[in-house]
Amino acid sequence: MGLSGYRGITEYAAHHRRVLDAILAGDLSAAEDGLRSHLRFILDDVASMRAARPDLFSALAVPERRTGRPAPV
């Protein structure tokens, strides 16, 4: 999820890549640090988005939960 004026998907993907690289290198401490940093990054953006667009976070904006089952006919 993103809105104009917020960080782009490439920044989020770069975080994922750093965490994956740390895991593949066997550096679990760096992976944990990277994941914590990434989550703070996301939570900051969500807080900013919520402040700018509270309508996106209302109960009415939440899509119906999908169960993976086909709809009854």
C-alpha atoms as a PDB file:
ATOM      1  CA  MET A   1       0.000   0.000   0.000  1.00  0.00           C
ATOM      2  CA  GLY A   2       1.313   3.356  -0.818  1.00  0.00           C
ATOM      3  CA  LEU A   3       0.210   6.852  -1.528  1.00  0.00           C
ATOM      4  CA  SER A   4       1.831   9.508  -3.631  1.00  0.00           C
ATOM      5  CA  GLY A   5       4.512  11.239  -1.585  1.00  0.00           C
ATOM      6  CA  TYR A   6       5.488   8.157   0.425  1.00  0.00           C
ATOM      7  CA  ARG A   7       8.419   5.822  -0.024  1.00  0.00           C
ATOM      8  CA  GLY A   8       8.318   3.649  -3.089  1.00  0.00           C
ATOM      9  CA  ILE A   9       8.214  -0.105  -3.449  1.00  0.00           C
ATOM     10  CA  THR A  10      11.909  -0.161  -4.385  1.00  0.00           C
ATOM     11  CA  GLU A  11      12.845   1.003  -0.889  1.00  0.00           C
ATOM     12  CA  TYR A  12      10.698  -1.690   0.694  1.00  0.00           C
ATOM     13  CA  ALA A  13      12.168  -4.304  -1.652  1.00  0.00           C
ATOM     14  CA  ALA A  14      15.714  -3.193  -0.771  1.00  0.00           C
ATOM     15  CA  HIS A  15      14.951  -3.842   2.902  1.00  0.00           C
ATOM     16  CA  HIS A  16      13.681  -7.324   2.064  1.00  0.00           C
ATOM     17  CA  ARG A  17      16.820  -7.964   0.039  1.00  0.00           C
ATOM     18  CA  ARG A  18      19.123  -6.934   2.908  1.00  0.00           C
ATOM     19  CA  VAL A  19      17.283  -9.243   5.302  1.00  0.00           C
ATOM     20  CA  LEU A  20      17.434 -12.129   2.819  1.00  0.00           C
ATOM     21  CA  ASP A  21      21.135 -11.533   2.130  1.00  0.00           C
ATOM     22  CA  ALA A  22      21.858 -11.587   5.875  1.00  0.00           C
ATOM     23  CA  ILE A  23      19.931 -14.848   6.292  1.00  0.00           C
ATOM     24  CA  LEU A  24      21.723 -16.456   3.344  1.00  0.00           C
ATOM     25  CA  ALA A  25      25.062 -15.327   4.798  1.00  0.00           C
ATOM     26  CA  GLY A  26      24.117 -16.935   8.111  1.00  0.00           C
ATOM     27  CA  ASP A  27      24.173 -13.582   9.914  1.00  0.00           C
ATOM     28  CA  LEU A  28      20.960 -13.900  11.887  1.00  0.00           C
ATOM     29  CA  SER A  29      21.791 -10.911  14.060  1.00  0.00           C
ATOM     30  CA  ALA A  30      22.007  -8.674  10.978  1.00  0.00           C
ATOM     31  CA  ALA A  31      18.806 -10.245   9.621  1.00  0.00           C
ATOM     32  CA  GLU A  32      16.987  -9.490  12.866  1.00  0.00           C
ATOM     33  CA  ASP A  33      18.313  -5.922  12.933  1.00  0.00           C
ATOM     34  CA  GLY A  34      17.284  -5.450   9.303  1.00  0.00           C
ATOM     35  CA  LEU A  35      13.817  -6.803   9.933  1.00  0.00           C
ATOM     36  CA  ARG A  36      13.329  -4.572  12.977  1.00  0.00           C
ATOM     37  CA  SER A  37      14.448  -1.562  10.951  1.00  0.00           C
ATOM     38  CA  HIS A  38      12.115  -2.510   8.104  1.00  0.00           C
ATOM     39  CA  LEU A  39       9.127  -2.863  10.426  1.00  0.00           C
ATOM     40  CA  ARG A  40       9.808   0.561  11.991  1.00  0.00           C
ATOM     41  CA  PHE A  41      10.047   1.999   8.471  1.00  0.00           C
ATOM     42  CA  ILE A  42       6.661   0.515   7.534  1.00  0.00           C
ATOM     43  CA  LEU A  43       4.950   1.510  10.776  1.00  0.00           C
ATOM     44  CA  ASP A  44       6.159   5.099  10.307  1.00  0.00           C
ATOM     45  CA  ASP A  45       4.669   5.151   6.805  1.00  0.00           C
ATOM     46  CA  VAL A  46       1.393   3.608   7.996  1.00  0.00           C
ATOM     47  CA  ALA A  47       1.123   6.234  10.742  1.00  0.00           C
ATOM     48  CA  SER A  48       1.699   8.999   8.187  1.00  0.00           C
ATOM     49  CA  MET A  49      -0.828   7.468   5.786  1.00  0.00           C
ATOM     50  CA  ARG A  50      -3.386   7.100   8.561  1.00  0.00           C
ATOM     51  CA  ALA A  51      -2.946  10.753   9.534  1.00  0.00           C
ATOM     52  CA  ALA A  52      -3.283  11.889   5.918  1.00  0.00           C
ATOM     53  CA  ARG A  53      -6.088   9.499   4.901  1.00  0.00           C
ATOM     54  CA  PRO A  54      -8.017   8.186   7.929  1.00  0.00           C
ATOM     55  CA  ASP A  55     -10.803   7.065   5.569  1.00  0.00           C
ATOM     56  CA  LEU A  56      -8.532   4.290   4.299  1.00  0.00           C
ATOM     57  CA  PHE A  57      -8.343   2.871   7.810  1.00  0.00           C
ATOM     58  CA  SER A  58     -12.017   2.919   8.734  1.00  0.00           C
ATOM     59  CA  ALA A  59     -14.012  -0.261   9.283  1.00  0.00           C
ATOM     60  CA  LEU A  60     -15.807   0.450   6.012  1.00  0.00           C
ATOM     61  CA  ALA A  61     -12.517   0.418   4.089  1.00  0.00           C
ATOM     62  CA  VAL A  62     -11.571  -3.068   5.271  1.00  0.00           C
ATOM     63  CA  PRO A  63     -12.320  -5.623   2.556  1.00  0.00           C
ATOM     64  CA  GLU A  64     -14.283  -8.736   3.361  1.00  0.00           C
ATOM     65  CA  ARG A  65     -12.003 -11.556   4.502  1.00  0.00           C
ATOM     66  CA  ARG A  66     -11.512 -14.188   1.850  1.00  0.00           C
ATOM     67  CA  THR A  67     -11.641 -17.821   2.859  1.00  0.00           C
ATOM     68  CA  GLY A  68     -10.341 -19.267  -0.394  1.00  0.00           C
ATOM     69  CA  ARG A  69     -13.654 -21.027  -0.954  1.00  0.00           C
ATOM     70  CA  PRO A  70     -15.797 -20.233  -3.975  1.00  0.00           C
ATOM     71  CA  ALA A  71     -18.849 -18.097  -3.361  1.00  0.00           C
ATOM     72  CA  PRO A  72     -22.129 -19.998  -3.094  1.00  0.00           C
ATOM     73  CA  VAL A  73     -24.151 -20.003  -6.281  1.00  0.00           C
END
